[in-house]
Amino acid sequence: MKGNDTVTLHLPRKADYASLVRLTISGIASKIGFDIDVIEDIKVAVSEVCNKIVSMEPESCDKYYDITFHLFSDGLKVQFTVSGELARKMFDGESGEFAYAIISSFMDEFSVDCNDDCIITMGKNLGAE
């Protein structure tokens, strides 16, 4: 793959769209050249964040969220843009800490940066398995 591509999904905060996200990341990771085991790991990590987003209290959060996939010849970055209020609660408590640990173990990079909105970033490098 030459160059850098960006794909963005603007999704309703509903669990109904989890399969769309998993299919999208699977196709993107395959296009970059990740093997099937690494693709499964990436899908688990991305699904963890999606599950946390859609499971938060609806009245305290936006109705939509964005996922941006940055494709590179040597890897990918996935960025979730969510309200600051939502992201600050996502990784609280035992289940939040467990999700954080899962994502950190499957991905080469994982961070949560908040100002008004929060950007949750995860990255995987090709050949870093």
Protein backbone atom coordinates (compact mmCIF):
# COMPACT_ATOMS: atom_id res chain seq x y z
CA MET A 1 0.00 0.00 0.00
CA LYS A 2 1.41 3.37 -0.96
CA GLY A 3 0.64 6.61 0.81
CA ASN A 4 -1.58 7.27 3.76
CA ASP A 5 -5.33 6.87 3.68
CA THR A 6 -7.95 7.96 6.20
CA VAL A 7 -11.40 6.42 6.68
CA THR A 8 -13.93 7.97 9.08
CA LEU A 9 -17.17 6.50 10.42
CA HIS A 10 -19.77 8.72 12.10
CA LEU A 11 -21.92 6.29 14.08
CA PRO A 12 -24.98 6.37 16.30
CA ARG A 13 -24.14 5.30 19.84
CA LYS A 14 -25.96 1.98 19.41
CA ALA A 15 -24.69 -1.57 19.75
CA ASP A 16 -26.34 -2.41 16.41
CA TYR A 17 -23.33 -0.95 14.60
CA ALA A 18 -20.62 -3.03 16.33
CA SER A 19 -20.54 -5.55 13.48
CA LEU A 20 -20.02 -2.72 10.97
CA VAL A 21 -17.02 -1.47 12.95
CA ARG A 22 -15.55 -4.98 13.26
CA LEU A 23 -16.00 -5.60 9.52
CA THR A 24 -14.43 -2.24 8.68
CA ILE A 25 -11.35 -2.74 10.87
CA SER A 26 -10.96 -6.29 9.61
CA GLY A 27 -10.90 -5.10 5.99
CA ILE A 28 -8.54 -2.23 6.75
CA ALA A 29 -6.10 -4.36 8.74
CA SER A 30 -6.12 -7.02 6.01
CA LYS A 31 -5.42 -4.37 3.35
CA ILE A 32 -2.38 -3.19 5.32
CA GLY A 33 -1.05 -6.75 5.57
CA PHE A 34 -1.69 -7.89 9.13
CA ASP A 35 -2.11 -11.64 9.58
CA ILE A 36 -5.38 -13.16 10.77
CA ASP A 37 -4.30 -13.51 14.44
CA VAL A 38 -3.27 -9.87 14.68
CA ILE A 39 -6.47 -8.79 12.90
CA GLU A 40 -8.48 -10.65 15.57
CA ASP A 41 -6.51 -8.86 18.32
CA ILE A 42 -7.16 -5.48 16.70
CA LYS A 43 -10.87 -6.29 16.35
CA VAL A 44 -11.05 -7.18 20.06
CA ALA A 45 -9.35 -3.92 21.07
CA VAL A 46 -11.57 -1.78 18.82
CA SER A 47 -14.67 -3.65 20.01
CA GLU A 48 -13.77 -2.98 23.65
CA VAL A 49 -13.80 0.77 23.06
CA CYS A 50 -17.03 0.60 21.04
CA ASN A 51 -18.69 -1.47 23.77
CA LYS A 52 -17.64 1.04 26.43
CA ILE A 53 -18.96 3.94 24.32
CA VAL A 54 -22.38 2.42 23.66
CA SER A 55 -22.85 1.14 27.22
CA MET A 56 -22.53 4.55 28.91
CA GLU A 57 -25.60 6.35 30.25
CA PRO A 58 -27.39 7.85 27.24
CA GLU A 59 -28.46 11.08 28.91
CA SER A 60 -24.87 12.00 29.79
CA CYS A 61 -23.43 11.52 26.31
CA ASP A 62 -23.66 12.58 22.70
CA LYS A 63 -25.85 10.45 20.45
CA TYR A 64 -23.02 9.91 17.95
CA TYR A 65 -19.31 9.20 17.95
CA ASP A 66 -16.61 9.16 15.31
CA ILE A 67 -13.99 6.56 14.51
CA THR A 68 -11.12 7.56 12.23
CA PHE A 69 -8.84 4.90 10.80
CA HIS A 70 -5.42 6.17 9.68
CA LEU A 71 -3.77 3.68 7.34
CA PHE A 72 -0.02 3.64 6.81
CA SER A 73 2.26 1.30 4.89
CA ASP A 74 3.66 0.04 8.21
CA GLY A 75 0.60 0.05 10.47
CA LEU A 76 -2.56 1.82 11.52
CA LYS A 77 -3.99 4.19 14.08
CA VAL A 78 -7.59 4.17 15.20
CA GLN A 79 -8.98 7.31 16.83
CA PHE A 80 -12.33 7.56 18.59
CA THR A 81 -13.71 11.05 19.19
CA VAL A 82 -16.16 11.22 22.09
CA SER A 83 -17.35 13.77 24.60
CA GLY A 84 -14.97 14.42 27.47
CA GLU A 85 -17.60 13.43 30.00
CA LEU A 86 -18.04 10.02 28.40
CA ALA A 87 -14.33 9.22 28.03
CA ARG A 88 -13.50 10.19 31.59
CA LYS A 89 -15.94 7.52 32.83
CA MET A 90 -15.20 4.77 30.29
CA PHE A 91 -12.19 3.27 32.03
CA ASP A 92 -13.34 3.74 35.63
CA GLY A 93 -14.09 0.84 37.91
CA GLU A 94 -13.16 -2.80 37.59
CA SER A 95 -14.69 -3.37 34.13
CA GLY A 96 -13.10 -0.17 32.81
CA GLU A 97 -9.69 -1.15 34.13
CA PHE A 98 -10.11 -4.61 32.61
CA ALA A 99 -11.00 -3.11 29.21
CA TYR A 100 -7.98 -0.78 29.46
CA ALA A 101 -5.71 -3.76 30.18
CA ILE A 102 -7.10 -5.76 27.25
CA ILE A 103 -6.65 -2.91 24.80
CA SER A 104 -3.14 -2.14 26.07
CA SER A 105 -2.08 -5.77 25.69
CA PHE A 106 -3.33 -6.10 22.09
CA MET A 107 -2.19 -2.75 20.73
CA ASP A 108 1.27 -1.14 20.47
CA GLU A 109 -0.11 2.28 21.40
CA PHE A 110 -3.09 3.27 23.52
CA SER A 111 -3.90 6.69 24.96
CA VAL A 112 -6.83 8.82 26.10
CA ASP A 113 -6.34 12.59 25.68
CA CYS A 114 -9.10 14.91 26.89
CA ASN A 115 -9.80 18.60 26.53
CA ASP A 116 -13.41 19.47 25.64
CA ASP A 117 -13.75 16.28 23.61
CA CYS A 118 -11.59 13.21 24.09
CA ILE A 119 -9.50 11.41 21.53
CA ILE A 120 -8.94 7.74 22.29
CA THR A 121 -6.04 6.55 20.14
CA MET A 122 -4.78 3.05 19.55
CA GLY A 123 -2.14 1.98 17.11
CA LYS A 124 -0.65 -1.21 15.76
CA ASN A 125 2.61 -1.51 13.84
CA LEU A 126 3.02 -4.03 11.07
CA GLY A 127 5.62 -6.61 12.04
CA ALA A 128 5.41 -5.76 15.76
CA GLU A 129 3.51 -8.93 16.70
